[in-house]
């Protein structure tokens, strides 16, 4: 059973997510899945997807901090230009929100 598809398709394409999950659960019963097995599977799929987004978010933040290090160590930039560029990167870091990361699905 593809729990990730069940949860993401339901979230993305239906206006009544709980009803969608209930319908999918009814299908799972026909295939001899238990209540616990079905909902644990859905929950695990969602947790894995959230973990993926958190990982991407961490990599993105790490990339910005590396950019700041590069700017600070750039001998060809004036201190004024470094401050401006670092300020821009810091604003990007502040604006990061896990909900802004595009969906891969």
Protein backbone atom coordinates (compact mmCIF):
# COMPACT_ATOMS: atom_id res chain seq x y z
CA UNK A 1 0.00 0.00 0.00
CA UNK A 2 1.44 3.37 -0.97
CA UNK A 3 0.73 5.47 2.10
CA UNK A 4 2.60 8.49 0.77
CA UNK A 5 0.33 8.60 -2.28
CA UNK A 6 -2.74 8.18 -0.11
CA UNK A 7 -1.84 11.08 2.15
CA UNK A 8 -0.39 13.47 -0.43
CA UNK A 9 -3.03 12.93 -3.09
CA UNK A 10 -5.71 13.32 -0.45
CA UNK A 11 -4.18 16.49 0.89
CA UNK A 12 -3.53 18.00 -2.52
CA UNK A 13 -6.61 17.06 -4.51
CA UNK A 14 -9.58 16.60 -2.22
CA UNK A 15 -11.65 19.19 -0.44
CA UNK A 16 -12.42 16.80 2.41
CA UNK A 17 -9.18 15.17 3.52
CA UNK A 18 -10.66 13.18 6.44
CA UNK A 19 -13.29 11.69 4.14
CA UNK A 20 -10.59 10.77 1.62
CA UNK A 21 -8.58 8.98 4.31
CA UNK A 22 -11.71 7.17 5.46
CA UNK A 23 -12.43 5.97 1.90
CA UNK A 24 -8.85 4.76 1.54
CA UNK A 25 -9.10 3.00 4.87
CA UNK A 26 -12.22 1.19 3.64
CA UNK A 27 -10.20 -0.01 0.63
CA UNK A 28 -7.43 -1.14 2.97
CA UNK A 29 -9.90 -3.20 4.99
CA UNK A 30 -10.83 -5.06 1.80
CA UNK A 31 -7.13 -5.93 1.47
CA UNK A 32 -7.01 -7.16 5.08
CA UNK A 33 -5.10 -4.23 6.57
CA UNK A 34 -5.84 -3.50 10.23
CA UNK A 35 -6.85 -0.07 11.48
CA UNK A 36 -3.51 0.32 13.27
CA UNK A 37 -1.51 -0.86 10.29
CA UNK A 38 -3.27 1.56 7.92
CA UNK A 39 -3.04 4.65 10.11
CA UNK A 40 0.50 3.87 11.27
CA UNK A 41 1.47 3.60 7.60
CA UNK A 42 -0.13 6.95 6.78
CA UNK A 43 1.47 8.59 9.80
CA UNK A 44 4.91 7.17 8.98
CA UNK A 45 4.63 8.43 5.40
CA UNK A 46 3.78 11.94 6.57
CA UNK A 47 6.61 11.90 9.14
CA UNK A 48 9.08 10.81 6.45
CA UNK A 49 7.92 13.61 4.17
CA UNK A 50 8.19 16.21 6.95
CA UNK A 51 11.67 14.91 7.73
CA UNK A 52 12.64 15.40 4.09
CA UNK A 53 11.47 19.02 4.20
CA UNK A 54 13.34 19.63 7.44
CA UNK A 55 16.49 18.16 5.88
CA UNK A 56 16.14 20.43 2.84
CA UNK A 57 15.58 23.40 5.12
CA UNK A 58 18.74 22.60 7.09
CA UNK A 59 20.79 22.26 3.89
CA UNK A 60 19.44 25.58 2.65
CA UNK A 61 20.39 27.35 5.89
CA UNK A 62 23.84 25.72 5.83
CA UNK A 63 24.33 26.98 2.26
CA UNK A 64 23.59 30.55 3.37
CA UNK A 65 26.06 30.35 6.27
CA UNK A 66 28.73 29.08 3.88
CA UNK A 67 27.96 32.08 1.67
CA UNK A 68 28.50 34.38 4.65
CA UNK A 69 31.86 32.71 5.36
CA UNK A 70 32.86 33.16 1.72
CA UNK A 71 31.88 36.84 1.81
CA UNK A 72 33.78 37.44 5.07
CA UNK A 73 36.94 35.88 3.63
CA UNK A 74 36.77 37.61 0.25
CA UNK A 75 39.82 39.88 0.05
CA UNK A 76 38.44 41.57 -3.07
CA UNK A 77 35.41 43.06 -1.29
CA UNK A 78 35.50 46.20 0.79
CA UNK A 79 34.27 46.02 4.39
CA UNK A 80 31.28 48.10 3.33
CA UNK A 81 30.42 45.71 0.50
CA UNK A 82 30.88 42.72 2.82
CA UNK A 83 28.45 44.25 5.32
CA UNK A 84 25.88 44.87 2.57
CA UNK A 85 26.20 41.37 1.13
CA UNK A 86 26.14 39.68 4.52
CA UNK A 87 23.06 41.72 5.42
CA UNK A 88 21.30 40.44 2.31
CA UNK A 89 22.16 36.83 3.12
CA UNK A 90 21.05 37.27 6.74
CA UNK A 91 17.69 38.60 5.52
CA UNK A 92 17.34 35.48 3.38
CA UNK A 93 18.07 33.30 6.41
CA UNK A 94 15.49 35.17 8.49
CA UNK A 95 12.86 34.72 5.79
CA UNK A 96 13.28 30.96 5.54
CA UNK A 97 10.15 29.08 6.43
CA UNK A 98 9.78 25.32 6.02
CA UNK A 99 6.36 25.95 4.46
CA UNK A 100 8.02 27.87 1.60
CA UNK A 101 9.99 24.89 0.34
CA UNK A 102 8.42 23.63 -2.87
CA UNK A 103 6.63 20.34 -2.90
CA UNK A 104 8.49 17.55 -4.68
CA UNK A 105 5.36 15.60 -5.36
